[in-house]
Protein backbone atom coordinates (compact mmCIF):
# COMPACT_ATOMS: atom_id res chain seq x y z
CA GLU A 1 158.90 -153.37 87.10
CA GLY A 2 156.90 -152.66 90.22
CA PRO A 3 153.22 -153.22 90.80
CA PRO A 4 150.84 -151.06 88.71
CA LEU A 5 149.94 -147.74 90.25
CA PRO A 6 146.37 -147.34 91.51
CA PRO A 7 144.11 -145.17 89.35
CA ARG A 8 144.52 -141.52 90.17
CA PRO A 9 141.39 -140.03 91.70
CA PRO A 10 139.84 -137.10 89.90
CA SER A 11 141.36 -133.81 90.96
CA LEU A 12 139.40 -131.02 92.59
CA ALA A 13 139.66 -129.04 89.36
CA ALA A 14 138.03 -131.91 87.46
CA ALA A 15 135.32 -132.17 90.12
CA ALA A 16 134.65 -128.44 89.82
CA LEU A 17 134.39 -128.77 86.04
CA TRP A 18 131.91 -131.62 86.38
CA LEU A 19 129.87 -129.58 88.84
CA ALA A 20 129.80 -126.61 86.46
CA LEU A 21 128.86 -128.66 83.39
CA GLY A 22 126.39 -130.80 85.28
CA SER A 23 124.57 -127.84 86.83
CA LEU A 24 124.31 -126.21 83.40
CA GLY A 25 122.76 -129.37 82.02
CA LEU A 26 120.30 -129.50 84.92
CA VAL A 27 119.12 -125.95 84.35
CA LEU A 28 118.85 -126.45 80.58
CA ALA A 29 116.69 -129.53 81.11
CA ALA A 30 114.52 -127.77 83.74
CA GLU A 31 113.98 -124.70 81.59
CA ALA A 32 113.16 -126.86 78.57
CA ALA A 33 110.42 -128.60 80.56
CA ILE A 34 109.04 -125.25 81.72
CA ASP A 35 109.11 -123.78 78.21
CA VAL A 36 107.19 -126.80 76.92
CA ALA A 37 104.60 -126.18 79.65
CA LEU A 38 104.39 -122.52 78.68
CA PHE A 39 103.87 -123.44 75.04
CA ARG A 40 101.15 -125.92 75.93
CA ARG A 41 99.38 -123.38 78.11
CA PHE A 42 99.72 -120.18 76.12
CA HIS A 43 101.08 -121.01 72.63
CA HIS A 44 103.79 -118.37 73.03
CA GLY A 45 106.30 -118.11 70.21
CA LEU A 46 109.97 -117.20 70.53
CA ASP A 47 111.04 -114.03 68.79
CA GLN A 48 114.56 -112.61 68.95
CA ALA A 49 113.84 -110.58 72.08
CA SER A 50 112.41 -113.63 73.85
CA VAL A 51 115.48 -115.70 72.97
CA LEU A 52 117.78 -113.05 74.48
CA VAL A 53 115.69 -112.86 77.63
CA LEU A 54 115.63 -116.66 77.88
CA ALA A 55 119.42 -116.75 77.57
CA ARG A 56 119.72 -114.30 80.45
CA GLY A 57 117.35 -116.43 82.52
CA LEU A 58 119.40 -119.55 81.77
CA LEU A 59 122.62 -117.80 82.81
CA ALA A 60 121.09 -116.64 86.08
CA GLY A 61 119.60 -120.07 86.75
CA TRP A 62 122.96 -121.72 86.06
CA THR A 63 124.62 -119.40 88.55
CA LEU A 64 122.18 -120.35 91.29
CA ALA A 65 122.22 -124.09 90.45
CA LEU A 66 126.01 -124.14 90.55
CA GLY A 67 125.83 -122.37 93.89
CA LEU A 68 123.54 -125.12 95.19
CA ALA A 69 125.95 -127.81 94.00
CA ALA A 70 128.93 -125.97 95.54
CA LEU A 71 127.09 -125.65 98.83
CA ALA A 72 126.35 -129.39 98.85
CA PHE A 73 130.03 -130.11 98.06
CA ALA A 74 131.11 -127.88 100.94
CA ALA A 75 128.96 -130.00 103.25
CA THR A 76 129.80 -133.47 101.85
CA ARG A 77 133.06 -133.24 99.79
CA ARG A 78 131.35 -135.61 97.33
CA PRO A 79 131.13 -133.92 93.92
CA PHE A 80 128.83 -136.33 92.10
CA ALA A 81 126.48 -136.71 95.05
CA SER A 82 126.39 -132.92 95.34
CA LEU A 83 125.46 -132.60 91.70
CA ALA A 84 122.78 -135.25 92.09
CA LEU A 85 121.29 -133.48 95.12
CA ALA A 86 121.14 -130.23 93.16
CA GLY A 87 119.54 -132.16 90.28
CA VAL A 88 116.76 -133.57 92.47
CA LEU A 89 116.00 -130.13 93.87
CA VAL A 90 116.00 -128.38 90.48
CA GLY A 91 114.00 -131.22 88.92
CA ALA A 92 111.36 -131.11 91.65
CA LEU A 93 111.04 -127.31 91.30
CA ALA A 94 110.79 -127.57 87.51
CA ALA A 95 108.09 -130.25 87.75
CA ALA A 96 106.10 -128.11 90.22
CA ASP A 97 106.49 -125.04 88.02
CA ALA A 98 105.35 -126.91 84.92
CA LEU A 99 102.30 -128.35 86.70
CA LEU A 100 101.24 -124.92 87.94
CA LEU A 101 101.79 -123.30 84.54
CA VAL A 102 99.70 -125.89 82.70
CA HIS A 103 96.89 -126.27 85.21
CA LEU A 104 96.70 -122.88 86.98
CA GLY A 105 98.36 -120.57 84.48
CA ALA A 106 100.79 -119.14 87.05
CA PRO A 107 104.46 -119.87 87.73
CA LEU A 108 105.85 -121.15 91.01
CA ALA A 109 106.52 -118.38 93.55
CA ALA A 110 108.88 -118.76 96.48
CA GLN A 111 106.91 -116.43 98.73
CA ASP A 112 103.65 -118.31 98.11
CA VAL A 113 103.86 -121.18 100.60
CA HIS A 114 100.29 -122.29 99.93
CA ARG A 115 101.26 -123.59 96.49
CA ALA A 116 101.88 -126.93 98.17
CA ARG A 117 98.12 -127.31 98.57
CA ASP A 118 97.57 -126.45 94.91
CA LEU A 119 100.16 -129.02 93.84
CA ALA A 120 98.59 -131.70 96.01
CA ALA A 121 95.17 -130.96 94.49
CA ILE A 122 96.59 -131.01 90.96
CA VAL A 123 98.37 -134.33 91.54
CA ALA A 124 95.21 -135.80 93.07
CA ALA A 125 93.23 -134.69 90.02
CA LEU A 126 95.81 -136.11 87.62
CA VAL A 127 96.20 -139.54 89.23
CA PRO A 128 92.89 -140.97 87.88
CA ARG A 129 93.81 -139.87 84.34
CA ARG A 130 97.49 -140.80 84.56
CA ALA A 131 97.38 -143.66 87.01
CA LEU A 132 101.02 -144.64 86.46
CA ALA A 133 102.79 -141.49 85.30
CA VAL A 134 102.26 -139.21 88.31
CA PRO A 135 102.99 -141.78 91.07
CA GLY A 136 105.90 -143.04 88.95
CA ILE A 137 107.50 -139.60 88.84
CA LEU A 138 107.10 -139.18 92.60
CA LEU A 139 108.56 -142.63 93.28
CA ALA A 140 111.46 -141.92 90.92
CA LEU A 141 112.32 -138.75 92.83
CA CYS A 142 112.18 -140.62 96.15
CA PHE A 143 114.38 -143.45 94.86
CA ALA A 144 116.84 -140.96 93.39
CA LEU A 145 117.11 -139.13 96.70
CA ALA A 146 117.58 -142.40 98.60
CA ALA A 147 120.26 -143.56 96.14
CA ILE A 148 122.16 -140.29 96.61
CA LEU A 149 122.10 -140.59 100.38
CA LEU A 150 123.19 -144.24 100.35
CA TRP A 151 125.71 -144.04 97.47
CA ARG A 152 129.29 -144.46 98.67
CA GLU A 153 131.59 -141.96 97.06
CA ARG A 154 135.15 -141.15 98.02
CA PRO A 155 135.40 -137.64 99.48
CA ARG A 156 137.56 -135.18 97.57
CA GLY A 157 139.77 -132.54 99.10
CA GLY A 158 139.99 -131.44 102.70
CA GLY A 159 139.01 -128.52 104.85
CA ARG A 160 140.44 -125.95 102.47
CA ALA A 161 138.42 -127.38 99.58
CA GLN A 162 135.27 -127.23 101.68
CA LEU A 163 135.98 -123.64 102.67
CA ALA A 164 136.64 -122.67 99.03
CA ALA A 165 133.43 -124.37 97.90
CA GLY A 166 131.44 -122.61 100.61
CA LEU A 167 132.84 -119.22 99.63
CA ALA A 168 132.14 -119.96 95.98
CA ALA A 169 128.57 -120.92 96.84
CA LEU A 170 128.09 -117.63 98.69
CA ALA A 171 129.54 -115.65 95.78
CA LEU A 172 127.36 -117.45 93.23
CA ALA A 173 124.24 -117.00 95.37
CA ALA A 174 125.03 -113.31 95.86
CA GLY A 175 125.41 -112.87 92.10
CA GLY A 176 122.14 -114.63 91.35
CA LEU A 177 120.23 -112.75 94.04
CA GLY A 178 121.75 -109.50 92.82
CA LEU A 179 120.24 -110.22 89.42
CA ALA A 180 116.95 -110.99 91.12
CA ARG A 181 116.96 -107.65 92.91
CA ARG A 182 117.47 -105.82 89.62
CA GLU A 183 114.59 -107.64 87.95
CA THR A 184 111.36 -105.69 87.59
CA VAL A 185 107.87 -107.04 88.22
CA PRO A 186 106.41 -108.48 84.99
CA PRO A 187 103.83 -106.18 83.38
CA ALA A 188 100.15 -106.94 83.83
CA GLY A 189 99.19 -109.99 81.81
CA ALA A 190 102.76 -111.31 81.61
CA GLU A 191 103.17 -112.96 85.02
CA ALA A 192 102.81 -116.43 83.52
CA ARG A 193 105.87 -115.84 81.33
CA ALA A 194 108.09 -114.94 84.28
CA SER A 195 109.75 -118.36 84.25
CA LEU A 196 110.70 -117.86 80.61
CA GLY A 197 111.92 -114.32 81.13
CA ARG A 198 113.91 -114.78 84.31
CA GLY A 199 114.57 -118.49 84.55
CA LEU A 200 113.08 -120.81 87.17
CA LEU A 201 115.65 -120.33 89.93
CA LEU A 202 115.97 -116.60 89.38
CA ASP A 203 112.20 -116.26 89.43
CA LEU A 204 112.07 -118.09 92.74
CA ALA A 205 114.87 -115.93 94.12
CA ALA A 206 113.04 -112.77 93.05
CA GLY A 207 109.91 -114.08 94.77
CA ALA A 208 111.86 -114.80 97.94
CA LEU A 209 113.09 -111.21 97.92
CA ALA A 210 109.61 -109.77 97.47
CA ALA A 211 109.03 -106.87 99.80
CA PRO A 212 107.19 -107.80 103.02
CA LEU A 213 103.96 -106.10 103.96
CA ARG A 214 105.06 -103.03 105.91
CA PRO A 215 102.81 -100.65 107.85
CA PRO A 216 102.07 -97.35 106.12
CA PRO A 217 103.30 -94.13 107.75
CA GLY A 218 101.29 -93.22 110.82
CA TYR A 219 99.75 -96.65 111.34
CA SER A 220 98.63 -97.55 114.87
CA ALA A 221 95.61 -99.20 116.41
CA ALA A 222 94.56 -95.88 117.94
CA GLU A 223 94.75 -94.13 114.56
CA VAL A 224 92.61 -96.85 112.96
CA ALA A 225 90.02 -96.42 115.71
CA CYS A 226 89.95 -92.66 115.07
CA VAL A 227 89.47 -93.18 111.32
CA LEU A 228 86.59 -95.59 111.87
CA ALA A 229 84.96 -93.35 114.46
CA ALA A 230 85.14 -90.37 112.11
CA GLY A 231 83.49 -92.36 109.34
CA ALA A 232 80.81 -93.99 111.48
CA ALA A 233 77.33 -94.01 109.98
CA PRO A 234 74.66 -91.85 111.66
CA ALA A 235 71.77 -93.61 113.31
CA GLU A 236 69.41 -93.00 110.41
CA ASP A 237 71.92 -94.58 108.01
CA GLY A 238 70.91 -98.07 109.04
CA ALA A 239 69.77 -100.57 106.47
CA ALA A 240 66.21 -100.35 105.29
CA ALA A 241 63.75 -102.74 106.84
CA GLY A 242 62.52 -105.75 104.97
CA GLU A 243 64.10 -108.45 102.86
CA PRO A 244 66.74 -107.05 100.48
CA PRO A 245 67.01 -108.30 96.90
CA SER A 246 69.15 -111.36 96.36
CA LEU A 247 72.50 -111.04 94.61
CA VAL A 248 74.29 -113.15 92.00
CA VAL A 249 77.86 -112.19 91.11
CA LEU A 250 79.06 -114.16 88.10
CA LEU A 251 82.83 -113.79 87.75
CA VAL A 252 83.70 -115.14 84.31
CA ASP A 253 87.31 -116.10 83.62
CA SER A 254 88.90 -113.78 81.02
CA LEU A 255 85.61 -112.21 79.91
CA VAL A 256 85.60 -109.14 77.69
CA ASP A 257 83.37 -108.05 74.85
CA PRO A 258 85.08 -109.69 71.82
CA ARG A 259 84.07 -106.72 69.68
CA ASP A 260 86.17 -104.46 71.94
CA LEU A 261 89.36 -106.22 70.83
CA GLY A 262 89.57 -104.29 67.56
CA PHE A 263 88.53 -106.91 64.99
CA ALA A 264 85.28 -107.68 63.16
CA LEU A 265 83.48 -110.98 63.79
CA ALA A 266 80.99 -112.71 61.52
CA ALA A 267 78.37 -112.80 64.31
CA ASP A 268 77.86 -111.23 67.71
CA PRO A 269 79.11 -113.75 70.31
CA ILE A 270 77.15 -112.23 73.23
CA PRO A 271 73.50 -111.58 72.27
CA ALA A 272 72.23 -112.30 75.81
CA LEU A 273 74.65 -109.81 77.37
CA ARG A 274 73.84 -107.35 74.61
CA ALA A 275 70.18 -107.58 75.68
CA VAL A 276 71.25 -106.88 79.26
CA GLU A 277 73.12 -103.84 78.00
CA ALA A 278 69.97 -102.58 76.28
CA ALA A 279 67.55 -103.21 79.16
CA GLY A 280 69.84 -103.13 82.19
CA ARG A 281 73.12 -101.37 82.83
CA ARG A 282 76.67 -101.67 81.52
CA GLY A 283 79.87 -100.21 82.85
CA SER A 284 83.52 -101.09 83.21
CA ALA A 285 85.92 -102.05 85.99
CA VAL A 286 89.71 -101.90 86.16
CA VAL A 287 91.02 -105.17 87.60
CA PRO A 288 94.15 -105.31 89.79
CA ARG A 289 96.20 -107.56 87.49
CA GLY A 290 96.16 -109.27 84.16
CA ALA A 291 96.15 -113.05 83.88
CA PRO A 292 96.51 -114.93 86.17
CA GLY A 293 94.98 -112.38 88.56
CA THR A 294 91.66 -114.01 89.41
CA VAL A 295 92.20 -114.30 93.16
CA ASP A 296 93.21 -110.65 93.50
CA ALA A 297 90.06 -109.59 91.62
CA GLU A 298 88.01 -111.79 93.95
CA LEU A 299 89.57 -110.22 97.05
CA GLU A 300 88.97 -106.67 95.81
CA LEU A 301 85.40 -107.34 94.74
CA LEU A 302 84.34 -109.18 97.89
CA THR A 303 86.08 -106.98 100.49
CA GLY A 304 86.82 -103.58 98.94
CA ALA A 305 90.55 -103.95 99.62
CA CYS A 306 92.90 -102.22 97.16
CA THR A 307 95.82 -104.44 96.12
CA ALA A 308 97.75 -101.42 94.84
CA PHE A 309 98.70 -100.72 98.47
CA LEU A 310 100.54 -104.06 98.67
CA PRO A 311 104.13 -104.76 97.53
CA PRO A 312 104.54 -105.63 93.83
CA GLY A 313 104.40 -109.36 93.17
CA THR A 314 102.14 -110.12 96.13
CA VAL A 315 99.32 -112.54 95.35
CA ALA A 316 96.99 -110.61 97.60
CA GLY A 317 94.01 -112.92 97.23
CA ARG A 318 95.97 -115.69 98.96
CA GLN A 319 98.97 -114.31 100.81
CA GLY A 320 97.13 -111.28 102.21
CA VAL A 321 94.24 -113.16 103.85
CA ARG A 322 95.15 -114.34 107.34
CA ARG A 323 92.09 -113.30 109.38
CA ASP A 324 88.37 -112.70 108.95
CA LEU A 325 87.67 -109.74 106.65
CA PRO A 326 84.54 -107.60 106.26
CA GLY A 327 82.87 -107.23 102.89
CA LEU A 328 79.92 -108.21 100.74
CA PRO A 329 79.37 -111.74 102.14
CA ARG A 330 79.27 -110.61 105.77
CA ILE A 331 77.16 -107.51 105.05
CA LEU A 332 74.55 -109.53 103.14
CA ALA A 333 74.65 -112.38 105.66
CA GLY A 334 73.82 -109.80 108.32
CA ARG A 335 70.64 -109.09 106.33
CA GLY A 336 69.69 -112.76 106.35
CA ALA A 337 71.07 -113.79 102.96
CA ARG A 338 72.33 -117.34 102.48
CA ALA A 339 75.89 -116.95 101.03
CA ARG A 340 77.43 -119.62 98.81
CA ALA A 341 80.48 -119.77 96.55
CA ILE A 342 80.13 -121.89 93.40
CA LEU A 343 83.38 -122.77 91.63
CA ALA A 344 84.18 -124.43 88.33
CA ASP A 345 87.58 -125.42 89.78
CA PRO A 346 88.24 -127.62 92.82
CA PRO A 347 88.09 -125.43 95.97
CA ALA A 348 91.61 -126.55 96.92
CA PHE A 349 93.03 -124.74 93.89
CA LEU A 350 94.34 -121.29 94.80
CA ASP A 351 93.67 -122.12 98.47
CA ARG A 352 90.09 -120.89 98.10
CA THR A 353 88.58 -123.04 100.86
CA ARG A 354 90.67 -121.30 103.52
CA VAL A 355 90.48 -117.84 101.95
CA TYR A 356 86.73 -117.88 101.35
CA ALA A 357 86.07 -118.87 104.97
CA HIS A 358 87.89 -115.70 106.05
CA LEU A 359 85.74 -113.69 103.62
CA GLY A 360 82.47 -115.03 105.03
CA LEU A 361 81.88 -117.72 102.39
CA ALA A 362 82.05 -120.92 104.41
CA ASP A 363 79.63 -122.69 102.04
CA VAL A 364 81.86 -123.50 99.03
CA ILE A 365 80.89 -125.87 96.22
CA GLY A 366 83.45 -127.11 93.70
CA LEU A 367 81.69 -128.56 90.68
CA PRO A 368 83.01 -131.79 89.17
CA ALA A 369 84.89 -131.56 85.88
CA GLY A 370 82.74 -132.30 82.87
CA GLY A 371 83.33 -129.69 80.20
CA ALA A 372 85.18 -130.08 76.94
CA ARG A 373 88.52 -129.18 78.57
CA GLY A 374 88.16 -131.16 81.75
CA ARG A 375 86.57 -128.22 83.59
CA ALA A 376 83.07 -127.76 84.92
CA SER A 377 80.93 -126.19 82.22
CA ASP A 378 79.22 -122.84 82.57
CA GLU A 379 75.91 -124.67 82.24
CA ALA A 380 76.78 -126.60 85.42
CA VAL A 381 77.56 -123.32 87.20
CA VAL A 382 74.18 -121.91 86.12
CA ASP A 383 72.40 -125.04 87.38
CA ALA A 384 74.06 -124.62 90.80
CA VAL A 385 73.02 -120.94 91.00
CA LEU A 386 69.42 -121.73 90.06
CA GLU A 387 69.37 -124.50 92.66
CA LEU A 388 70.37 -121.97 95.33
CA ALA A 389 67.77 -119.50 94.04
CA ALA A 390 65.05 -122.13 94.49
CA LEU A 391 65.56 -122.10 98.27
CA GLU A 392 63.53 -119.87 100.56
CA GLY A 393 64.84 -116.48 101.61
CA PRO A 394 67.39 -114.07 100.14
CA PHE A 395 70.68 -115.44 98.88
CA PHE A 396 74.10 -114.34 97.68
CA ALA A 397 75.67 -116.54 95.00
CA PHE A 398 79.29 -115.86 94.16
CA ALA A 399 80.00 -117.99 91.08
CA VAL A 400 83.36 -118.25 89.30
CA THR A 401 83.46 -119.93 85.89
CA ALA A 402 86.40 -121.37 83.91
CA ALA A 403 85.08 -122.34 80.46
CA THR A 404 86.46 -119.19 78.81
CA ARG A 405 89.94 -119.68 80.27
CA GLY A 406 92.67 -120.12 77.64
CA PRO A 407 94.46 -121.34 75.73
CA HIS A 408 92.28 -120.65 72.72
CA GLY A 409 92.56 -121.51 69.09
CA ARG A 410 93.26 -125.24 68.94
CA ALA A 411 90.08 -126.54 67.36
CA GLU A 412 87.50 -123.90 68.32
CA GLY A 413 86.62 -121.01 65.99
CA GLY A 414 86.21 -120.87 62.25
CA ALA A 415 82.44 -120.47 61.90
CA GLY A 416 79.70 -118.18 63.21
CA ALA A 417 80.88 -116.08 66.13
CA GLY A 418 84.28 -117.72 65.83
CA ARG A 419 85.01 -116.37 62.33
CA VAL A 420 87.19 -113.25 62.26
CA LEU A 421 86.54 -111.18 59.14
CA ASP A 422 89.62 -108.97 59.17
CA ALA A 423 92.27 -111.07 60.89
CA PRO A 424 95.77 -109.89 59.86
CA ASN A 425 97.26 -113.38 60.24
CA ALA A 426 96.37 -116.99 61.01
CA ARG A 427 97.30 -116.69 64.67
CA VAL A 428 94.83 -113.87 65.33
CA ALA A 429 92.11 -115.74 63.42
CA ARG A 430 92.78 -118.88 65.46
CA GLU A 431 93.08 -117.32 68.92
CA LEU A 432 90.33 -114.70 68.64
CA GLY A 433 88.06 -117.12 66.81
CA GLY A 434 88.50 -119.73 69.51
CA TYR A 435 87.93 -117.14 72.22
CA ALA A 436 84.76 -115.82 70.59
CA THR A 437 83.42 -119.37 70.29
CA ALA A 438 84.03 -120.01 73.99
CA VAL A 439 82.43 -116.69 74.98
CA ALA A 440 79.37 -117.48 72.84
CA ALA A 441 78.82 -120.69 74.85
CA THR A 442 79.15 -118.72 78.09
CA ASP A 443 76.66 -116.14 76.84
CA ARG A 444 74.10 -118.86 76.16
CA ALA A 445 74.50 -120.07 79.75
CA ILE A 446 74.08 -116.52 81.06
CA GLY A 447 70.90 -116.12 79.02
CA ARG A 448 69.48 -119.27 80.59
CA LEU A 449 70.44 -118.01 84.07
CA LEU A 450 68.63 -114.70 83.58
CA ALA A 451 65.55 -116.40 82.16
CA GLY A 452 65.48 -118.83 85.09
CA LEU A 453 65.77 -116.07 87.68
CA ALA A 454 63.12 -113.95 85.95
CA ALA A 455 60.71 -116.88 85.95
CA ARG A 456 60.98 -117.21 89.73
CA GLY A 457 59.56 -113.70 90.23
CA ARG A 458 61.89 -112.76 93.11
CA ALA A 459 63.83 -109.54 93.54
CA VAL A 460 67.37 -110.30 92.40
CA LEU A 461 70.36 -108.42 91.03
CA VAL A 462 72.83 -110.16 88.70
CA VAL A 463 76.31 -108.71 88.14
CA VAL A 464 78.46 -110.25 85.38
CA LEU A 465 82.11 -109.28 84.90
CA GLY A 466 85.43 -110.77 83.87
CA THR A 467 88.30 -111.78 86.12
CA HIS A 468 90.76 -110.05 83.77
CA PRO A 469 91.21 -109.60 80.02
CA PRO A 470 92.11 -112.80 78.14
CA LEU A 471 95.77 -113.67 77.78
CA PHE A 472 96.70 -113.30 74.11
CA GLY A 473 100.47 -113.02 74.27
CA GLY A 474 103.47 -113.48 72.08
CA PRO A 475 104.50 -111.98 68.75
CA ASP A 476 101.82 -111.43 66.09
CA GLY A 477 99.07 -112.09 68.64
CA VAL A 478 95.73 -110.37 69.16
CA TYR A 479 96.99 -107.53 71.35
CA GLU A 480 100.04 -106.83 69.23
CA LYS A 481 98.00 -106.63 66.03
CA SER A 482 94.94 -104.91 67.46
CA PRO A 483 94.67 -101.16 66.75
CA VAL A 484 92.97 -100.74 70.14
CA PHE A 485 95.88 -101.86 72.32
CA ARG A 486 98.85 -100.26 70.60
CA GLY A 487 101.12 -97.90 72.49
CA ASP A 488 101.99 -97.54 76.15
CA SER A 489 99.92 -94.52 77.13
CA PRO A 490 97.93 -94.58 80.39
CA ASP A 491 94.73 -95.09 78.37
CA ALA A 492 96.27 -98.07 76.52
CA ARG A 493 97.39 -99.59 79.83
CA ARG A 494 93.89 -99.07 81.17
CA ARG A 495 92.39 -101.00 78.26
CA ARG A 496 94.70 -103.92 79.11
CA LEU A 497 93.31 -103.99 82.67
CA GLU A 498 89.66 -103.14 82.01
CA VAL A 499 86.74 -105.54 81.82
CA PRO A 500 83.07 -104.84 81.08
CA VAL A 501 80.47 -105.13 83.84
CA TRP A 502 76.83 -105.95 83.11
CA MET A 503 74.02 -105.48 85.63
CA TRP A 504 70.58 -107.08 85.25
CA ALA A 505 67.81 -106.90 87.82
CA SER A 506 64.21 -108.00 88.19
CA PHE A 507 63.51 -104.43 89.37
CA PRO A 508 64.18 -101.06 87.67
CA LEU A 509 67.84 -100.04 87.41
CA GLU A 510 69.52 -96.72 86.81
CA ARG A 511 70.61 -96.73 83.16
CA ALA A 512 73.67 -94.45 83.40
CA PRO A 513 76.99 -96.12 82.45
CA PHE A 514 79.73 -96.24 85.05
CA ALA A 515 83.49 -96.71 85.31
CA THR A 516 85.06 -98.07 88.46
CA SER A 517 87.64 -100.57 89.75
CA THR A 518 86.92 -103.95 91.29
CA ASN A 519 87.75 -102.76 94.82
CA LEU A 520 85.06 -100.05 94.53
CA LEU A 521 82.49 -102.12 92.61
CA GLY A 522 81.11 -103.61 95.85
CA LEU A 523 80.00 -100.13 96.91
CA LEU A 524 78.02 -99.73 93.69
CA ILE A 525 76.43 -103.16 94.16
CA LEU A 526 75.32 -102.34 97.72
CA GLU A 527 73.90 -98.99 96.58
CA THR A 528 71.91 -100.79 93.87
CA LEU A 529 70.59 -103.26 96.46
CA GLY A 530 69.71 -100.46 98.89
CA VAL A 531 72.01 -101.88 101.58
CA ALA A 532 74.26 -99.67 103.70
CA PRO A 533 78.00 -100.43 103.44
CA GLY A 534 80.06 -101.54 106.40
CA PRO A 535 82.67 -99.33 108.13
CA PHE A 536 85.57 -100.32 105.86
CA LEU A 537 83.58 -99.71 102.69
CA ARG A 538 82.48 -96.33 104.03
CA VAL A 539 86.16 -95.41 104.25
CA ALA A 540 86.64 -96.64 100.66
CA ALA A 541 83.64 -94.54 99.60
CA GLU A 542 85.54 -91.38 100.56
CA VAL A 543 88.23 -92.34 98.05
CA ARG A 544 85.64 -93.13 95.37
CA ALA A 545 84.22 -89.63 95.79
CA ARG A 546 87.57 -88.30 94.52
CA HIS A 547 88.69 -91.10 92.21
CA PRO A 548 86.05 -93.20 90.37
CA VAL A 549 88.84 -95.66 89.53
CA PHE A 550 91.42 -96.31 92.21
CA SER A 551 93.57 -99.36 91.59
CA ARG A 552 97.01 -99.85 90.05
CA LEU A 553 95.65 -97.25 87.65
CA VAL A 554 93.98 -94.13 89.07
CA VAL A 555 91.45 -91.86 87.38
CA ASP A 556 91.56 -88.32 88.73
CA PRO A 557 88.50 -86.06 89.01
CA ASP A 558 89.40 -84.46 85.68
CA GLY A 559 89.17 -87.87 83.97
CA ALA A 560 92.93 -88.32 83.44
CA THR A 561 94.31 -91.84 83.90
CA ARG A 562 97.71 -92.33 85.55
CA PRO A 563 99.63 -95.07 87.38
CA PHE A 564 99.22 -95.53 91.12
CA LEU A 565 102.06 -93.77 92.98
CA ALA A 566 102.09 -94.49 96.73
CA PRO A 567 103.85 -91.27 97.90
CA ARG A 568 101.49 -89.12 95.85
CA GLU A 569 98.34 -90.94 96.91
CA ARG A 570 99.21 -90.73 100.62
CA ARG A 571 99.01 -86.94 100.49
CA ASP A 572 95.24 -87.37 100.15
CA PRO A 573 93.75 -87.83 103.67
CA ALA A 574 90.99 -90.11 102.37
CA VAL A 575 93.54 -92.41 100.69
CA ARG A 576 95.69 -92.40 103.82
CA ASP A 577 92.70 -93.50 105.94
CA TYR A 578 91.83 -96.21 103.38
CA GLU A 579 95.35 -97.63 103.50
CA LEU A 580 95.56 -97.50 107.32
CA VAL A 581 92.36 -99.48 107.84
CA GLN A 582 93.24 -101.98 105.11
CA HIS A 583 96.67 -102.62 106.58
CA ASP A 584 95.09 -103.24 109.99
CA LEU A 585 92.89 -105.91 108.38
CA LEU A 586 95.49 -107.61 106.20
CA GLY A 587 98.81 -107.30 108.04
CA GLY A 588 98.47 -105.06 111.06
CA GLU A 589 97.31 -105.57 114.62
CA GLY A 590 93.80 -106.59 113.58
CA THR A 591 91.99 -104.16 115.88
CA TYR A 592 89.33 -103.33 113.28
CA TYR A 593 86.47 -105.28 114.88
CA ASP A 594 87.27 -103.97 118.37
CA ALA A 595 87.24 -100.42 117.01
CA VAL A 596 83.93 -101.01 115.21
CA ARG A 597 82.29 -102.42 118.36
CA ARG A 598 83.40 -99.39 120.34
């Protein structure tokens, strides 16, 4: 008998099998972590339809993960190292997605490069509370990557195997990206479930394929100059002399009137706002997106830009701001108002420090966490506004709260304003009761704000509105069981994107109700203050004269509500001018200020 034969190395077929099984395991583990994060954030259940959608997302994610592993094998001919490299990448993406879902309520997006700043801020905020866990995870990823690079593994196959693996990687990537191209944009209010519906990797691929910002037909710097010249204000249209009233805009996360949700509550959660409604003015505004659409609502409100002109999936409040933009802060600062942004979240979240500077809000205050959920309380926001109001001269306070942000229904609700009298099931009683309890606390803070401003005896206008309707998703939830939100008619879609607006002033106000959209609300605010709008808002005013609501939903002069349709809207010369000037500001040549000076 001869010497024993050396062990036979695994064949290429065995290596391919291990790559396939390993990549499937990686995606299953990543999606499980993301689904846990979704459950923690939104308490979504899994019905039969959700399970089928999740299975499709897993299949697409497996296709892309296997493509990553095949690409690594084509470069290294080391199957296990290739699988480990794919695992580190998928694991890092899953961890980032889960962090964003839990702490910001939005999934990871490939086209949103500024998420790195959000992640860094989240990690920095978590380190004091989890002194070992967060650095431990980061160190584990670094050690894993170093071990992969230093691990000696016998290469498998030759040039033909590498070529076959490369072609397979291309085919798998093409298949996954083909699925991404066929995916539709999630409906308003469902963006946070995109990772469940499409799978992490497919969701990232769909984001990477998001349409770039393209110029509208007829765009040129000369055409923008002509539009602005045609809409220039006459000499007598200048702002009135004297100090204008001060302005407080309180943007409350997920604020609606709880009684508008279709259920009866044991007590009214918003008596202070109800008093404003009786003595001041109430209207409504259509917001650009459901949750998490806060930054887009901020951009529309502060600048007058219409996010409906932008490609679907664009986070306009962050990705669309690359230069200084005109709007409320700059107009009021030109009248001598001290402008300050007051945030219940750290300014680094959602890249607000950079974005606000472009909007004319260089003075940004992020309040320290201190509320029941680790967020700054609404009382702290009110204190910061009253502190600004105590200074000499006019001011503009743009305050964004977070105390009413979900999830709701863990231990809130059950008594007083939080008791639902006609809840059809326990989930509605829990979620709506918790929401009403949170809104009641916010209302008390608003009442104290109005009393404090009234006591100072200065001319001031306060505008209170929600960022978007609250996110009550999943089967048997508030929206599904509410008689108000059933159906898919244009009016039903409008209710899902509509928030109430309350106006209170220390001077007489017009009492007539109004309906508008957040991009046109700034015009109404300036009219109430007696301040002339800037050139861009004058262009937007021409659109408002035809459409009181002009957002992703449009209200025609006859009162009919319909979806925004770009080809149809561009046939209106006023809409065409609005889009041309906006594109110049957000993604065009940026000749707006030169044209205005001329």
